[in-house]
Amino acid sequence: SAFVTSALTPSEQEVLSLYATGAEASFVARQLSLSIHTVNTYVSRIRRKFMDAGVPAGSRVDLLVRAQAEGLVPTLRLAHPPQVHGRWRPRW
């Protein structure tokens, strides 16, 4: 999307795409050949850029939602959502 390409560097986009899905900073670091400190710095910068744009990004869930909205992480759809008494209800 326009925000990702204009505000986030390619490295920040890579970090976001992995970190937002729940990967630990150490895993992201190994996958991208970075130090954990560098990954954490990228995550801080990403959060700040979203916040500066008026978009909450304080939690990993916020980052996942943003990454999905920006097309960096696919949105998973359940083939057969859970049924409760014949009606679908989200399981939080």
Protein backbone atom coordinates (compact mmCIF):
# COMPACT_ATOMS: atom_id res chain seq x y z
CA SER A 1 0.00 0.00 0.00
CA ALA A 2 1.00 3.62 -0.26
CA PHE A 3 1.83 3.96 3.45
CA VAL A 4 4.13 0.96 3.49
CA THR A 5 6.02 1.93 0.36
CA SER A 6 6.30 5.59 1.30
CA ALA A 7 6.91 5.36 5.06
CA LEU A 8 8.62 2.02 5.71
CA THR A 9 11.98 1.00 4.34
CA PRO A 10 12.26 -2.40 2.62
CA SER A 11 14.05 -3.72 5.72
CA GLU A 12 11.29 -2.44 8.00
CA GLN A 13 8.72 -4.11 5.75
CA GLU A 14 10.56 -7.44 6.03
CA VAL A 15 10.81 -7.17 9.80
CA LEU A 16 7.14 -6.21 10.10
CA SER A 17 5.99 -9.10 7.92
CA LEU A 18 7.70 -11.61 10.23
CA TYR A 19 7.38 -9.93 13.63
CA ALA A 20 3.70 -9.10 13.29
CA THR A 21 2.80 -12.76 12.79
CA GLY A 22 4.16 -13.62 16.23
CA ALA A 23 7.78 -14.45 15.44
CA GLU A 24 10.18 -13.67 18.27
CA ALA A 25 12.80 -10.99 17.64
CA SER A 26 15.50 -13.66 17.80
CA PHE A 27 13.79 -15.65 15.01
CA VAL A 28 13.38 -12.54 12.86
CA ALA A 29 17.03 -11.69 13.45
CA ARG A 30 18.18 -15.15 12.33
CA GLN A 31 15.92 -15.15 9.27
CA LEU A 32 17.10 -11.74 8.10
CA SER A 33 20.72 -12.01 9.27
CA LEU A 34 20.31 -9.12 11.68
CA SER A 35 21.08 -8.66 15.35
CA ILE A 36 18.24 -8.80 17.86
CA HIS A 37 19.03 -5.18 18.74
CA THR A 38 18.56 -4.17 15.09
CA VAL A 39 15.23 -6.01 14.88
CA ASN A 40 14.02 -4.28 18.05
CA THR A 41 15.15 -0.93 16.67
CA TYR A 42 13.21 -1.57 13.44
CA VAL A 43 10.09 -2.55 15.41
CA SER A 44 10.34 0.67 17.45
CA ARG A 45 10.71 2.74 14.29
CA ILE A 46 7.78 0.95 12.63
CA ARG A 47 5.55 1.59 15.64
CA ARG A 48 6.59 5.25 15.74
CA LYS A 49 5.85 5.69 12.02
CA PHE A 50 2.38 4.18 12.39
CA MET A 51 1.71 6.32 15.47
CA ASP A 52 2.94 9.45 13.65
CA ALA A 53 0.42 8.62 10.91
CA GLY A 54 -2.32 8.50 13.55
CA VAL A 55 -2.62 4.71 13.49
CA PRO A 56 -2.32 2.83 16.81
CA ALA A 57 0.47 0.27 16.78
CA GLY A 58 1.38 -0.23 20.42
CA SER A 59 0.91 -3.99 20.54
CA ARG A 60 1.89 -6.94 18.37
CA VAL A 61 -1.81 -7.43 17.55
CA ASP A 62 -1.97 -3.82 16.33
CA LEU A 63 1.07 -4.50 14.16
CA LEU A 64 -0.54 -7.66 12.77
CA VAL A 65 -3.72 -5.78 11.88
CA ARG A 66 -1.67 -3.04 10.20
CA ALA A 67 0.49 -5.55 8.32
CA GLN A 68 -2.63 -7.34 7.09
CA ALA A 69 -4.27 -4.07 6.06
CA GLU A 70 -1.11 -3.09 4.21
CA GLY A 71 -0.89 -6.44 2.42
CA LEU A 72 2.35 -7.57 4.04
CA VAL A 73 0.71 -10.49 5.85
CA PRO A 74 -2.16 -12.50 4.40
CA THR A 75 -5.47 -12.48 6.24
CA LEU A 76 -6.43 -16.04 7.06
CA ARG A 77 -10.01 -17.12 6.54
CA LEU A 78 -11.35 -20.22 8.22
CA ALA A 79 -12.85 -22.73 5.80
CA HIS A 80 -15.20 -23.97 8.52
CA PRO A 81 -15.68 -21.38 11.30
CA PRO A 82 -16.48 -22.85 14.72
CA GLN A 83 -20.18 -23.37 15.38
CA VAL A 84 -21.86 -22.67 18.70
CA HIS A 85 -25.49 -23.80 18.90
CA GLY A 86 -25.77 -23.65 15.12
CA ARG A 87 -24.42 -20.09 14.90
CA TRP A 88 -20.94 -18.90 14.17
CA ARG A 89 -19.34 -17.06 17.06
CA PRO A 90 -15.72 -15.86 17.26
CA ARG A 91 -13.56 -17.63 19.82
CA TRP A 92 -11.71 -14.93 21.75
